[in-house]
Amino acid sequence: MKKILLNSFAAVMLFITLSAAWYVSKYNPETKSKSASAHTATGKDVAKRLALFSGLLQQYAIENGYNRETCFLADMGLPSGSKRFFIYNMPKDSVVNEGLVAHGSCDAGFRVRASFSNKSGSGCSSYGKYKIGKSYYGQYGLAYKLHGLDSSNSNAFERNIVLHSYNCVPEQETHPWPICNSRGCPMTSPGFLNKLRAVIDGSKKPVLLWIYE
């Protein structure tokens, strides 16, 4: 009898757990917003944003001596399980390659959607233009220093916000499932970082990155 009661109790607890998980996934504001953003952002919307930010970056590159052919664009308004880091040819207005990129957790355990801060120790992503600086080998292997060029990311270098890879970021899309968080760095998969590396190391002038939402 005791065994039957224990089994019944375990079944009830399992039902409650599964019900709670379903409720959170359906009604949690972050999950709901992520789902809404995934369904409202069409390919046409993404293309418009790419064209807009690449056009502004090209002008900035011409005026300030950066690579005016290729830039990197990270659209953090897209779900993290979708490819939202783009290698972009500015003169041709075309995507050369694309991959996944993690956003910062803001030290909140896990964030489905990106949240932004320029504050030291925040653990958040920072939006704005970046100059991709020198490479080095650190905790996560190959990484590139990032220099924030706007007031929204001016502390990036001091915060040790760098471009690097980590094996928790997959090579292929996982949407509708989100990927892991970083501590504020634009963190890619190892394979995609190799593609970025080819552009960065092969460029005579510094490459620009723009993180936006």
N, C-alpha and C. Protein backbone atom coordinates (compact mmCIF):
# COMPACT_ATOMS: atom_id res chain seq x y z
N MET A 1 0.83 -1.21 0.00
CA MET A 1 0.00 0.00 0.00
C MET A 1 0.87 1.26 0.00
N LYS A 2 1.91 1.20 0.85
CA LYS A 2 2.84 2.34 0.93
C LYS A 2 3.50 2.61 -0.40
N LYS A 3 3.89 1.51 -1.10
CA LYS A 3 4.53 1.64 -2.41
C LYS A 3 3.59 2.27 -3.42
N ILE A 4 2.32 1.89 -3.37
CA ILE A 4 1.31 2.43 -4.29
C ILE A 4 1.14 3.93 -4.05
N LEU A 5 1.09 4.31 -2.75
CA LEU A 5 0.94 5.73 -2.40
C LEU A 5 2.14 6.55 -2.89
N LEU A 6 3.35 5.98 -2.72
CA LEU A 6 4.57 6.67 -3.17
C LEU A 6 4.57 6.85 -4.68
N ASN A 7 4.14 5.80 -5.39
CA ASN A 7 4.07 5.88 -6.85
C ASN A 7 3.04 6.91 -7.30
N SER A 8 1.92 6.95 -6.59
CA SER A 8 0.87 7.92 -6.92
C SER A 8 1.36 9.34 -6.67
N PHE A 9 2.06 9.53 -5.56
CA PHE A 9 2.60 10.85 -5.22
C PHE A 9 3.61 11.30 -6.29
N ALA A 10 4.48 10.38 -6.71
CA ALA A 10 5.48 10.70 -7.74
C ALA A 10 4.79 11.07 -9.05
N ALA A 11 3.71 10.37 -9.38
CA ALA A 11 2.98 10.67 -10.61
C ALA A 11 2.35 12.04 -10.55
N VAL A 12 1.79 12.38 -9.37
CA VAL A 12 1.17 13.70 -9.20
C VAL A 12 2.22 14.80 -9.32
N MET A 13 3.38 14.60 -8.68
CA MET A 13 4.46 15.59 -8.74
C MET A 13 4.96 15.77 -10.17
N LEU A 14 5.07 14.67 -10.92
CA LEU A 14 5.50 14.74 -12.31
C LEU A 14 4.51 15.56 -13.14
N PHE A 15 3.21 15.30 -12.87
CA PHE A 15 2.16 16.04 -13.59
C PHE A 15 2.25 17.53 -13.29
N ILE A 16 2.45 17.88 -12.01
CA ILE A 16 2.55 19.29 -11.61
C ILE A 16 3.75 19.95 -12.27
N THR A 17 4.88 19.23 -12.28
CA THR A 17 6.11 19.78 -12.89
C THR A 17 5.93 20.04 -14.37
N LEU A 18 5.35 19.04 -15.06
CA LEU A 18 5.13 19.20 -16.50
C LEU A 18 4.13 20.30 -16.80
N SER A 19 3.11 20.42 -15.96
CA SER A 19 2.12 21.47 -16.14
C SER A 19 2.73 22.85 -15.94
N ALA A 20 3.59 22.96 -14.92
CA ALA A 20 4.26 24.23 -14.65
C ALA A 20 5.17 24.61 -15.80
N ALA A 21 5.90 23.63 -16.33
CA ALA A 21 6.80 23.90 -17.46
C ALA A 21 6.01 24.37 -18.67
N TRP A 22 4.86 23.73 -18.92
CA TRP A 22 4.01 24.14 -20.04
C TRP A 22 3.50 25.56 -19.84
N TYR A 23 3.09 25.87 -18.60
CA TYR A 23 2.54 27.20 -18.31
C TYR A 23 3.60 28.28 -18.52
N VAL A 24 4.82 28.01 -18.01
CA VAL A 24 5.90 29.00 -18.16
C VAL A 24 6.23 29.22 -19.62
N SER A 25 6.33 28.10 -20.38
CA SER A 25 6.68 28.25 -21.80
C SER A 25 5.61 29.00 -22.57
N LYS A 26 4.34 28.88 -22.12
CA LYS A 26 3.25 29.51 -22.85
C LYS A 26 3.03 30.95 -22.43
N TYR A 27 3.20 31.24 -21.12
CA TYR A 27 2.80 32.55 -20.63
C TYR A 27 3.94 33.40 -20.08
N ASN A 28 5.14 32.83 -19.95
CA ASN A 28 6.26 33.64 -19.48
C ASN A 28 6.50 34.80 -20.43
N PRO A 29 6.59 36.05 -19.92
CA PRO A 29 6.72 37.22 -20.79
C PRO A 29 7.91 37.15 -21.72
N GLU A 30 9.07 36.64 -21.21
CA GLU A 30 10.26 36.58 -22.05
C GLU A 30 10.05 35.59 -23.19
N THR A 31 9.49 34.41 -22.86
CA THR A 31 9.27 33.40 -23.89
C THR A 31 8.25 33.89 -24.90
N LYS A 32 7.20 34.54 -24.38
CA LYS A 32 6.14 35.03 -25.26
C LYS A 32 6.68 36.09 -26.21
N SER A 33 7.52 36.99 -25.68
CA SER A 33 8.10 38.04 -26.52
C SER A 33 9.02 37.45 -27.57
N LYS A 34 9.81 36.42 -27.14
CA LYS A 34 10.71 35.79 -28.10
C LYS A 34 9.93 35.17 -29.23
N SER A 35 8.85 34.47 -28.86
CA SER A 35 8.05 33.80 -29.87
C SER A 35 7.40 34.81 -30.81
N ALA A 36 6.91 35.91 -30.24
CA ALA A 36 6.27 36.94 -31.06
C ALA A 36 7.28 37.55 -32.02
N SER A 37 8.50 37.84 -31.49
CA SER A 37 9.51 38.46 -32.34
C SER A 37 9.91 37.53 -33.47
N ALA A 38 9.94 36.21 -33.19
CA ALA A 38 10.32 35.24 -34.22
C ALA A 38 9.31 35.20 -35.34
N HIS A 39 8.03 35.40 -35.00
CA HIS A 39 6.99 35.30 -36.02
C HIS A 39 6.73 36.63 -36.74
N THR A 40 7.11 37.75 -36.10
CA THR A 40 6.85 39.04 -36.74
C THR A 40 8.03 39.52 -37.58
N ALA A 41 9.23 39.03 -37.29
CA ALA A 41 10.40 39.45 -38.05
C ALA A 41 10.50 38.61 -39.32
N THR A 42 10.10 39.17 -40.42
CA THR A 42 10.15 38.45 -41.70
C THR A 42 11.52 38.62 -42.33
N GLY A 43 11.78 37.82 -43.36
CA GLY A 43 13.04 37.95 -44.08
C GLY A 43 13.22 39.33 -44.66
N LYS A 44 12.09 39.94 -45.07
CA LYS A 44 12.14 41.29 -45.64
C LYS A 44 12.56 42.31 -44.58
N ASP A 45 12.04 42.14 -43.35
CA ASP A 45 12.40 43.04 -42.25
C ASP A 45 13.89 42.95 -41.95
N VAL A 46 14.40 41.72 -41.87
CA VAL A 46 15.81 41.50 -41.57
C VAL A 46 16.68 42.13 -42.66
N ALA A 47 16.29 41.94 -43.92
CA ALA A 47 17.05 42.49 -45.05
C ALA A 47 17.08 44.02 -45.00
N LYS A 48 15.96 44.63 -44.62
CA LYS A 48 15.90 46.09 -44.51
C LYS A 48 16.85 46.60 -43.44
N ARG A 49 16.87 45.89 -42.29
CA ARG A 49 17.76 46.30 -41.21
C ARG A 49 19.22 46.12 -41.62
N LEU A 50 19.51 45.03 -42.31
CA LEU A 50 20.87 44.80 -42.79
C LEU A 50 21.32 45.91 -43.73
N ALA A 51 20.46 46.27 -44.67
CA ALA A 51 20.79 47.31 -45.64
C ALA A 51 20.99 48.65 -44.94
N LEU A 52 20.13 48.95 -43.96
CA LEU A 52 20.23 50.22 -43.25
C LEU A 52 21.54 50.32 -42.48
N PHE A 53 21.84 49.33 -41.64
CA PHE A 53 23.03 49.41 -40.80
C PHE A 53 24.31 49.26 -41.62
N SER A 54 24.29 48.46 -42.67
CA SER A 54 25.50 48.33 -43.50
C SER A 54 25.78 49.63 -44.24
N GLY A 55 24.71 50.32 -44.67
CA GLY A 55 24.89 51.60 -45.35
C GLY A 55 25.53 52.63 -44.43
N LEU A 56 25.06 52.67 -43.19
CA LEU A 56 25.63 53.60 -42.22
C LEU A 56 27.08 53.22 -41.88
N LEU A 57 27.34 51.91 -41.78
CA LEU A 57 28.70 51.47 -41.49
C LEU A 57 29.65 51.77 -42.64
N GLN A 58 29.19 51.62 -43.86
CA GLN A 58 30.04 51.91 -45.01
C GLN A 58 30.46 53.38 -45.02
N GLN A 59 29.51 54.26 -44.74
CA GLN A 59 29.82 55.69 -44.68
C GLN A 59 30.82 55.97 -43.57
N TYR A 60 30.60 55.34 -42.42
CA TYR A 60 31.51 55.52 -41.28
C TYR A 60 32.90 54.98 -41.63
N ALA A 61 32.95 53.85 -42.32
CA ALA A 61 34.23 53.25 -42.71
C ALA A 61 35.01 54.16 -43.66
N ILE A 62 34.30 54.75 -44.61
CA ILE A 62 34.94 55.66 -45.58
C ILE A 62 35.51 56.88 -44.86
N GLU A 63 34.75 57.41 -43.92
CA GLU A 63 35.16 58.63 -43.23
C GLU A 63 36.26 58.40 -42.20
N ASN A 64 36.38 57.16 -41.70
CA ASN A 64 37.31 56.91 -40.60
C ASN A 64 38.39 55.88 -40.88
N GLY A 65 38.52 55.44 -42.12
CA GLY A 65 39.63 54.58 -42.49
C GLY A 65 39.49 53.11 -42.14
N TYR A 66 38.26 52.60 -42.13
CA TYR A 66 38.05 51.18 -41.86
C TYR A 66 37.79 50.44 -43.18
N ASN A 67 37.72 49.12 -43.07
CA ASN A 67 37.39 48.28 -44.23
C ASN A 67 36.02 48.71 -44.77
N ARG A 68 35.98 49.12 -46.03
CA ARG A 68 34.73 49.62 -46.62
C ARG A 68 34.04 48.58 -47.50
N GLU A 69 34.61 47.37 -47.54
CA GLU A 69 34.03 46.31 -48.37
C GLU A 69 33.18 45.34 -47.54
N THR A 70 33.72 44.92 -46.42
CA THR A 70 33.06 43.90 -45.61
C THR A 70 32.90 44.36 -44.17
N CYS A 71 31.72 44.10 -43.59
CA CYS A 71 31.48 44.41 -42.19
C CYS A 71 30.75 43.24 -41.55
N PHE A 72 30.64 43.27 -40.24
CA PHE A 72 29.88 42.27 -39.49
C PHE A 72 28.66 42.95 -38.87
N LEU A 73 27.52 42.30 -38.94
CA LEU A 73 26.28 42.82 -38.37
C LEU A 73 25.65 41.75 -37.49
N ALA A 74 25.31 42.11 -36.25
CA ALA A 74 24.68 41.18 -35.32
C ALA A 74 23.31 41.72 -34.94
N ASP A 75 22.26 41.07 -35.44
CA ASP A 75 20.88 41.51 -35.21
C ASP A 75 20.33 40.79 -33.98
N MET A 76 20.51 41.40 -32.81
CA MET A 76 20.09 40.77 -31.56
C MET A 76 18.57 40.83 -31.35
N GLY A 77 17.85 41.44 -32.29
CA GLY A 77 16.39 41.41 -32.23
C GLY A 77 15.84 40.08 -32.67
N LEU A 78 16.66 39.27 -33.33
CA LEU A 78 16.26 37.93 -33.77
C LEU A 78 16.47 36.92 -32.64
N PRO A 79 15.74 35.82 -32.64
CA PRO A 79 15.93 34.79 -31.61
C PRO A 79 17.35 34.23 -31.66
N SER A 80 17.88 33.88 -30.50
CA SER A 80 19.28 33.43 -30.44
C SER A 80 19.50 32.11 -31.16
N GLY A 81 18.43 31.31 -31.33
CA GLY A 81 18.57 30.05 -32.06
C GLY A 81 18.58 30.20 -33.56
N SER A 82 18.41 31.45 -34.04
CA SER A 82 18.48 31.74 -35.48
C SER A 82 19.83 32.36 -35.82
N LYS A 83 20.27 32.15 -37.04
CA LYS A 83 21.52 32.77 -37.47
C LYS A 83 21.32 34.28 -37.58
N ARG A 84 22.02 35.02 -36.74
CA ARG A 84 21.79 36.46 -36.66
C ARG A 84 23.09 37.27 -36.65
N PHE A 85 24.22 36.61 -36.92
CA PHE A 85 25.50 37.27 -37.08
C PHE A 85 25.87 37.15 -38.56
N PHE A 86 25.99 38.30 -39.23
CA PHE A 86 26.14 38.30 -40.68
C PHE A 86 27.49 38.87 -41.11
N ILE A 87 28.13 38.17 -42.02
CA ILE A 87 29.27 38.75 -42.76
C ILE A 87 28.66 39.40 -43.98
N TYR A 88 28.85 40.71 -44.11
CA TYR A 88 28.09 41.47 -45.10
C TYR A 88 28.99 42.21 -46.07
N ASN A 89 28.68 42.06 -47.36
CA ASN A 89 29.38 42.81 -48.40
C ASN A 89 28.65 44.14 -48.60
N MET A 90 29.26 45.24 -48.19
CA MET A 90 28.58 46.53 -48.21
C MET A 90 28.31 47.06 -49.62
N PRO A 91 29.29 47.06 -50.53
CA PRO A 91 29.01 47.58 -51.88
C PRO A 91 27.91 46.80 -52.61
N LYS A 92 27.84 45.48 -52.37
CA LYS A 92 26.86 44.65 -53.07
C LYS A 92 25.55 44.47 -52.29
N ASP A 93 25.52 45.00 -51.06
CA ASP A 93 24.32 44.82 -50.21
C ASP A 93 23.90 43.36 -50.16
N SER A 94 24.83 42.49 -49.78
CA SER A 94 24.52 41.06 -49.77
C SER A 94 25.22 40.36 -48.61
N VAL A 95 24.55 39.31 -48.12
CA VAL A 95 25.11 38.50 -47.04
C VAL A 95 26.08 37.49 -47.63
N VAL A 96 27.30 37.49 -47.11
CA VAL A 96 28.33 36.55 -47.56
C VAL A 96 28.23 35.25 -46.78
N ASN A 97 27.99 35.37 -45.48
CA ASN A 97 27.86 34.20 -44.62
C ASN A 97 27.12 34.60 -43.34
N GLU A 98 26.64 33.63 -42.60
CA GLU A 98 25.89 33.92 -41.39
C GLU A 98 26.04 32.80 -40.39
N GLY A 99 25.93 33.14 -39.10
CA GLY A 99 26.07 32.14 -38.05
C GLY A 99 25.35 32.55 -36.78
N LEU A 100 25.38 31.67 -35.80
CA LEU A 100 24.75 31.94 -34.52
C LEU A 100 25.67 32.79 -33.64
N VAL A 101 25.06 33.58 -32.77
CA VAL A 101 25.83 34.37 -31.80
C VAL A 101 25.03 34.47 -30.51
N ALA A 102 25.72 34.27 -29.39
CA ALA A 102 25.08 34.35 -28.08
C ALA A 102 25.10 35.79 -27.57
N HIS A 103 24.09 36.13 -26.77
CA HIS A 103 24.07 37.43 -26.10
C HIS A 103 24.34 37.23 -24.60
N GLY A 104 24.53 38.35 -23.90
CA GLY A 104 24.87 38.29 -22.49
C GLY A 104 23.71 37.89 -21.60
N SER A 105 24.02 37.22 -20.51
CA SER A 105 23.01 36.79 -19.54
C SER A 105 22.63 37.89 -18.56
N CYS A 106 23.41 38.98 -18.54
CA CYS A 106 23.23 40.05 -17.53
C CYS A 106 23.34 39.46 -16.13
N ASP A 107 24.10 38.37 -16.01
CA ASP A 107 24.31 37.68 -14.73
C ASP A 107 22.98 37.32 -14.07
N ALA A 108 21.99 37.00 -14.90
CA ALA A 108 20.66 36.67 -14.38
C ALA A 108 20.37 35.18 -14.49
N GLY A 109 21.40 34.37 -14.66
CA GLY A 109 21.21 32.93 -14.85
C GLY A 109 21.06 32.60 -16.32
N PHE A 110 19.94 33.02 -16.90
CA PHE A 110 19.73 32.81 -18.34
C PHE A 110 18.72 33.81 -18.85
N ARG A 111 19.01 34.38 -20.00
CA ARG A 111 18.09 35.32 -20.63
C ARG A 111 17.75 34.81 -22.03
N VAL A 112 16.45 34.67 -22.30
CA VAL A 112 16.00 34.25 -23.62
C VAL A 112 16.28 35.37 -24.63
N ARG A 113 15.95 36.60 -24.24
CA ARG A 113 16.14 37.75 -25.14
C ARG A 113 17.31 38.59 -24.66
N ALA A 114 17.94 39.28 -25.60
CA ALA A 114 19.08 40.13 -25.26
C ALA A 114 18.62 41.37 -24.49
N SER A 115 19.42 41.75 -23.50
CA SER A 115 19.23 42.99 -22.77
C SER A 115 20.57 43.70 -22.78
N PHE A 116 20.56 45.03 -22.78
CA PHE A 116 21.79 45.77 -23.05
C PHE A 116 22.20 46.69 -21.90
N SER A 117 23.50 46.79 -21.71
CA SER A 117 24.05 47.70 -20.72
C SER A 117 25.51 47.97 -21.07
N ASN A 118 25.98 49.17 -20.73
CA ASN A 118 27.38 49.54 -20.93
C ASN A 118 28.12 49.54 -19.60
N LYS A 119 27.44 49.11 -18.56
CA LYS A 119 27.99 49.18 -17.20
C LYS A 119 28.97 48.04 -16.95
N SER A 120 30.11 48.35 -16.34
CA SER A 120 31.09 47.33 -15.98
C SER A 120 30.48 46.34 -14.99
N GLY A 121 30.73 45.06 -15.23
CA GLY A 121 30.23 44.03 -14.34
C GLY A 121 28.78 43.64 -14.55
N SER A 122 28.14 44.22 -15.58
CA SER A 122 26.71 43.94 -15.81
C SER A 122 26.48 42.56 -16.42
N GLY A 123 27.44 42.05 -17.17
CA GLY A 123 27.25 40.77 -17.86
C GLY A 123 26.31 40.84 -19.04
N CYS A 124 25.95 42.08 -19.45
CA CYS A 124 25.02 42.28 -20.56
C CYS A 124 25.76 42.56 -21.87
N SER A 125 25.07 42.35 -22.97
CA SER A 125 25.57 42.80 -24.27
C SER A 125 25.48 44.32 -24.33
N SER A 126 26.27 44.91 -25.22
CA SER A 126 26.21 46.35 -25.46
C SER A 126 26.01 46.57 -26.95
N TYR A 127 24.99 47.36 -27.29
CA TYR A 127 24.76 47.62 -28.71
C TYR A 127 25.59 48.81 -29.18
N GLY A 128 25.81 48.86 -30.49
CA GLY A 128 26.58 49.94 -31.08
C GLY A 128 27.66 49.43 -32.02
N LYS A 129 28.46 50.38 -32.51
CA LYS A 129 29.54 50.06 -33.45
C LYS A 129 30.80 49.67 -32.68
N TYR A 130 31.52 48.70 -33.25
CA TYR A 130 32.79 48.25 -32.66
C TYR A 130 33.87 48.19 -33.74
N LYS A 131 35.07 48.54 -33.33
CA LYS A 131 36.25 48.25 -34.15
C LYS A 131 36.80 46.92 -33.65
N ILE A 132 37.04 45.99 -34.56
CA ILE A 132 37.63 44.71 -34.18
C ILE A 132 39.15 44.88 -34.12
N GLY A 133 39.69 44.64 -32.95
CA GLY A 133 41.10 44.89 -32.70
C GLY A 133 41.97 43.65 -32.84
N LYS A 134 43.04 43.64 -32.07
CA LYS A 134 44.06 42.59 -32.18
C LYS A 134 43.54 41.26 -31.64
N SER A 135 44.08 40.20 -32.20
CA SER A 135 43.74 38.86 -31.74
C SER A 135 44.66 38.43 -30.60
N TYR A 136 44.20 37.49 -29.82
CA TYR A 136 45.02 36.90 -28.75
C TYR A 136 44.41 35.54 -28.42
N TYR A 137 45.14 34.76 -27.63
CA TYR A 137 44.63 33.47 -27.19
C TYR A 137 44.41 33.53 -25.68
N GLY A 138 43.17 33.33 -25.28
CA GLY A 138 42.81 33.43 -23.87
C GLY A 138 42.07 32.20 -23.37
N GLN A 139 41.17 32.42 -22.43
CA GLN A 139 40.42 31.35 -21.79
C GLN A 139 39.63 30.51 -22.78
N TYR A 140 39.13 31.15 -23.84
CA TYR A 140 38.30 30.44 -24.82
C TYR A 140 39.03 30.24 -26.15
N GLY A 141 40.34 30.29 -26.12
CA GLY A 141 41.10 30.13 -27.35
C GLY A 141 41.24 31.45 -28.08
N LEU A 142 41.15 31.41 -29.39
CA LEU A 142 41.28 32.62 -30.20
C LEU A 142 40.18 33.62 -29.87
N ALA A 143 40.59 34.88 -29.69
CA ALA A 143 39.62 35.94 -29.43
C ALA A 143 40.15 37.24 -30.03
N TYR A 144 39.23 38.17 -30.26
CA TYR A 144 39.59 39.47 -30.81
C TYR A 144 39.10 40.57 -29.87
N LYS A 145 40.01 41.50 -29.55
CA LYS A 145 39.65 42.65 -28.74
C LYS A 145 38.60 43.48 -29.48
N LEU A 146 37.68 44.07 -28.73
CA LEU A 146 36.66 44.93 -29.31
C LEU A 146 36.74 46.32 -28.69
N HIS A 147 36.70 47.33 -29.55
CA HIS A 147 36.75 48.72 -29.11
C HIS A 147 35.40 49.37 -29.41
N GLY A 148 34.66 49.73 -28.38
CA GLY A 148 33.37 50.37 -28.57
C GLY A 148 33.52 51.77 -29.13
N LEU A 149 32.75 52.10 -30.15
CA LEU A 149 32.86 53.39 -30.84
C LEU A 149 31.70 54.33 -30.54
N ASP A 150 30.77 53.89 -29.70
CA ASP A 150 29.60 54.70 -29.36
C ASP A 150 29.48 54.85 -27.84
N SER A 151 28.65 55.78 -27.42
CA SER A 151 28.44 55.97 -25.98
C SER A 151 27.77 54.74 -25.35
N SER A 152 27.07 53.96 -26.16
CA SER A 152 26.36 52.77 -25.67
C SER A 152 27.27 51.58 -25.43
N ASN A 153 28.51 51.64 -25.95
CA ASN A 153 29.44 50.52 -25.76
C ASN A 153 30.87 50.99 -25.48
N SER A 154 30.99 52.20 -24.98
CA SER A 154 32.31 52.83 -24.77
C SER A 154 33.17 52.10 -23.74
N ASN A 155 32.55 51.28 -22.89
CA ASN A 155 33.32 50.56 -21.86
C ASN A 155 33.68 49.14 -22.27
N ALA A 156 33.42 48.79 -23.53
CA ALA A 156 33.61 47.40 -23.98
C ALA A 156 35.03 46.90 -23.74
N PHE A 157 36.02 47.71 -24.08
CA PHE A 157 37.42 47.26 -23.94
C PHE A 157 37.75 47.01 -22.47
N GLU A 158 37.34 47.95 -21.60
CA GLU A 158 37.61 47.81 -20.17
C GLU A 158 36.83 46.65 -19.56
N ARG A 159 35.67 46.35 -20.12
CA ARG A 159 34.84 45.25 -19.63
C ARG A 159 35.33 43.89 -20.15
N ASN A 160 36.36 43.90 -20.99
CA ASN A 160 36.86 42.67 -21.62
C ASN A 160 35.79 42.00 -22.47
N ILE A 161 34.99 42.83 -23.14
CA ILE A 161 34.03 42.30 -24.12
C ILE A 161 34.80 42.03 -25.40
N VAL A 162 34.87 40.77 -25.79
CA VAL A 162 35.68 40.36 -26.94
C VAL A 162 34.85 39.45 -27.85
N LEU A 163 35.32 39.30 -29.07
CA LEU A 163 34.71 38.37 -30.02
C LEU A 163 35.43 37.04 -29.89
N HIS A 164 34.69 36.01 -29.49
CA HIS A 164 35.32 34.70 -29.30
C HIS A 164 34.28 33.61 -29.56
N SER A 165 34.73 32.38 -29.55
CA SER A 165 33.83 31.25 -29.74
C SER A 165 33.78 30.41 -28.48
N TYR A 166 32.78 29.54 -28.43
CA TYR A 166 32.66 28.58 -27.33
C TYR A 166 31.82 27.43 -27.85
N ASN A 167 32.16 26.22 -27.39
CA ASN A 167 31.51 25.05 -27.98
C ASN A 167 30.05 24.87 -27.58
N CYS A 168 29.52 25.71 -26.68
CA CYS A 168 28.09 25.61 -26.36
C CYS A 168 27.24 26.27 -27.46
N VAL A 169 27.88 27.03 -28.33
CA VAL A 169 27.17 27.64 -29.47
C VAL A 169 27.26 26.67 -30.64
N PRO A 170 26.13 26.14 -31.11
CA PRO A 170 26.17 25.16 -32.20
C PRO A 170 26.45 25.80 -33.56
N GLU A 171 26.77 24.96 -34.50
CA GLU A 171 27.04 25.43 -35.86
C GLU A 171 25.73 25.66 -36.63
N GLN A 172 24.69 24.91 -36.30
CA GLN A 172 23.43 25.00 -37.01
C GLN A 172 22.34 25.63 -36.14
N GLU A 173 21.32 26.15 -36.78
CA GLU A 173 20.22 26.80 -36.06
C GLU A 173 19.49 25.82 -35.14
N THR A 174 19.01 26.35 -34.02
CA THR A 174 18.26 25.54 -33.05
C THR A 174 16.85 26.10 -32.84
N HIS A 175 16.52 27.24 -33.47
CA HIS A 175 15.22 27.87 -33.29
C HIS A 175 14.09 26.85 -33.55
N PRO A 176 13.08 26.75 -32.65
CA PRO A 176 12.68 27.76 -31.65
C PRO A 176 13.40 27.67 -30.31
N TRP A 177 14.37 26.75 -30.18
CA TRP A 177 15.08 26.64 -28.91
C TRP A 177 16.22 27.66 -28.88
N PRO A 178 16.38 28.38 -27.76
CA PRO A 178 17.48 29.35 -27.64
C PRO A 178 18.81 28.65 -27.42
N ILE A 179 19.90 29.37 -27.62
CA ILE A 179 21.23 28.83 -27.34
C ILE A 179 21.72 29.41 -26.01
N CYS A 180 22.92 29.04 -25.64
CA CYS A 180 23.50 29.49 -24.37
C CYS A 180 23.75 31.00 -24.36
N ASN A 181 23.99 31.53 -23.19
CA ASN A 181 24.33 32.94 -23.00
C ASN A 181 25.83 33.11 -22.80
N SER A 182 26.31 34.31 -23.07
CA SER A 182 27.67 34.70 -22.72
C SER A 182 27.62 35.61 -21.51
N ARG A 183 28.74 36.25 -21.20
CA ARG A 183 28.73 37.26 -20.13
C ARG A 183 28.85 38.66 -20.74
N GLY A 184 28.28 38.79 -21.93
CA GLY A 184 28.28 40.09 -22.60
C GLY A 184 29.01 40.09 -23.93
N CYS A 185 29.83 39.08 -24.14
CA CYS A 185 30.60 39.00 -25.39
C CYS A 185 29.72 38.47 -26.53
N PRO A 186 29.96 38.95 -27.77
CA PRO A 186 29.36 38.29 -28.93
C PRO A 186 30.10 36.96 -29.13
N MET A 187 29.48 35.87 -28.75
CA MET A 187 30.13 34.56 -28.68
C MET A 187 29.56 33.66 -29.77
N THR A 188 30.41 33.17 -30.64
CA THR A 188 29.98 32.38 -31.79
C THR A 188 30.38 30.91 -31.63
N SER A 189 30.03 30.13 -32.63
CA SER A 189 30.50 28.74 -32.68
C SER A 189 31.96 28.74 -33.16
N PRO A 190 32.73 27.69 -32.83
CA PRO A 190 34.12 27.62 -33.29
C PRO A 190 34.24 27.68 -34.82
N GLY A 191 33.36 26.97 -35.52
CA GLY A 191 33.43 26.96 -36.98
C GLY A 191 33.17 28.32 -37.58
N PHE A 192 32.19 29.04 -37.02
CA PHE A 192 31.88 30.36 -37.57
C PHE A 192 32.98 31.36 -37.25
N LEU A 193 33.61 31.23 -36.09
CA LEU A 193 34.72 32.14 -35.77
C LEU A 193 35.85 31.99 -36.79
N ASN A 194 36.06 30.78 -37.28
CA ASN A 194 37.09 30.57 -38.31
C ASN A 194 36.76 31.35 -39.59
N LYS A 195 35.47 31.45 -39.91
CA LYS A 195 35.05 32.22 -41.09
C LYS A 195 35.26 33.72 -40.85
N LEU A 196 34.97 34.16 -39.63
CA LEU A 196 35.21 35.57 -39.28
C LEU A 196 36.71 35.85 -39.29
N ARG A 197 37.47 34.90 -38.81
CA ARG A 197 38.93 35.06 -38.75
C ARG A 197 39.52 35.29 -40.14
N ALA A 198 39.02 34.57 -41.12
CA ALA A 198 39.52 34.72 -42.48
C ALA A 198 39.32 36.15 -42.98
N VAL A 199 38.19 36.75 -42.62
CA VAL A 199 37.91 38.13 -43.03
C VAL A 199 38.78 39.11 -42.25
N ILE A 200 38.83 38.94 -40.94
CA ILE A 200 39.56 39.88 -40.08
C ILE A 200 41.06 39.87 -40.40
N ASP A 201 41.63 38.66 -40.41
CA ASP A 201 43.08 38.55 -40.63
C ASP A 201 43.47 38.87 -42.06
N GLY A 202 42.52 38.73 -42.99
CA GLY A 202 42.84 39.01 -44.39
C GLY A 202 42.59 40.45 -44.79
N SER A 203 42.11 41.27 -43.85
CA SER A 203 41.80 42.67 -44.17
C SER A 203 42.98 43.59 -43.83
N LYS A 204 43.28 44.49 -44.75
CA LYS A 204 44.37 45.45 -44.51
C LYS A 204 43.94 46.55 -43.55
N LYS A 205 42.65 46.79 -43.48
CA LYS A 205 42.12 47.81 -42.57
C LYS A 205 41.21 47.15 -41.54
N PRO A 206 41.04 47.76 -40.36
CA PRO A 206 40.19 47.17 -39.33
C PRO A 206 38.75 46.97 -39.82
N VAL A 207 38.16 45.86 -39.38
CA VAL A 207 36.78 45.53 -39.74
C VAL A 207 35.84 46.06 -38.67
N LEU A 208 34.67 46.52 -39.10
CA LEU A 208 33.67 47.05 -38.18
C LEU A 208 32.58 46.01 -37.89
N LEU A 209 32.11 46.02 -36.66
CA LEU A 209 30.97 45.20 -36.23
C LEU A 209 29.92 46.15 -35.66
N TRP A 210 28.65 45.90 -36.01
CA TRP A 210 27.56 46.67 -35.41
C TRP A 210 26.59 45.69 -34.78
N ILE A 211 26.42 45.81 -33.46
CA ILE A 211 25.43 45.02 -32.74
C ILE A 211 24.20 45.90 -32.54
N TYR A 212 23.05 45.41 -32.97
CA TYR A 212 21.83 46.20 -32.85
C TYR A 212 20.65 45.28 -32.53
N GLU A 213 19.50 45.90 -32.28
CA GLU A 213 18.30 45.12 -31.97
C GLU A 213 17.17 45.54 -32.88
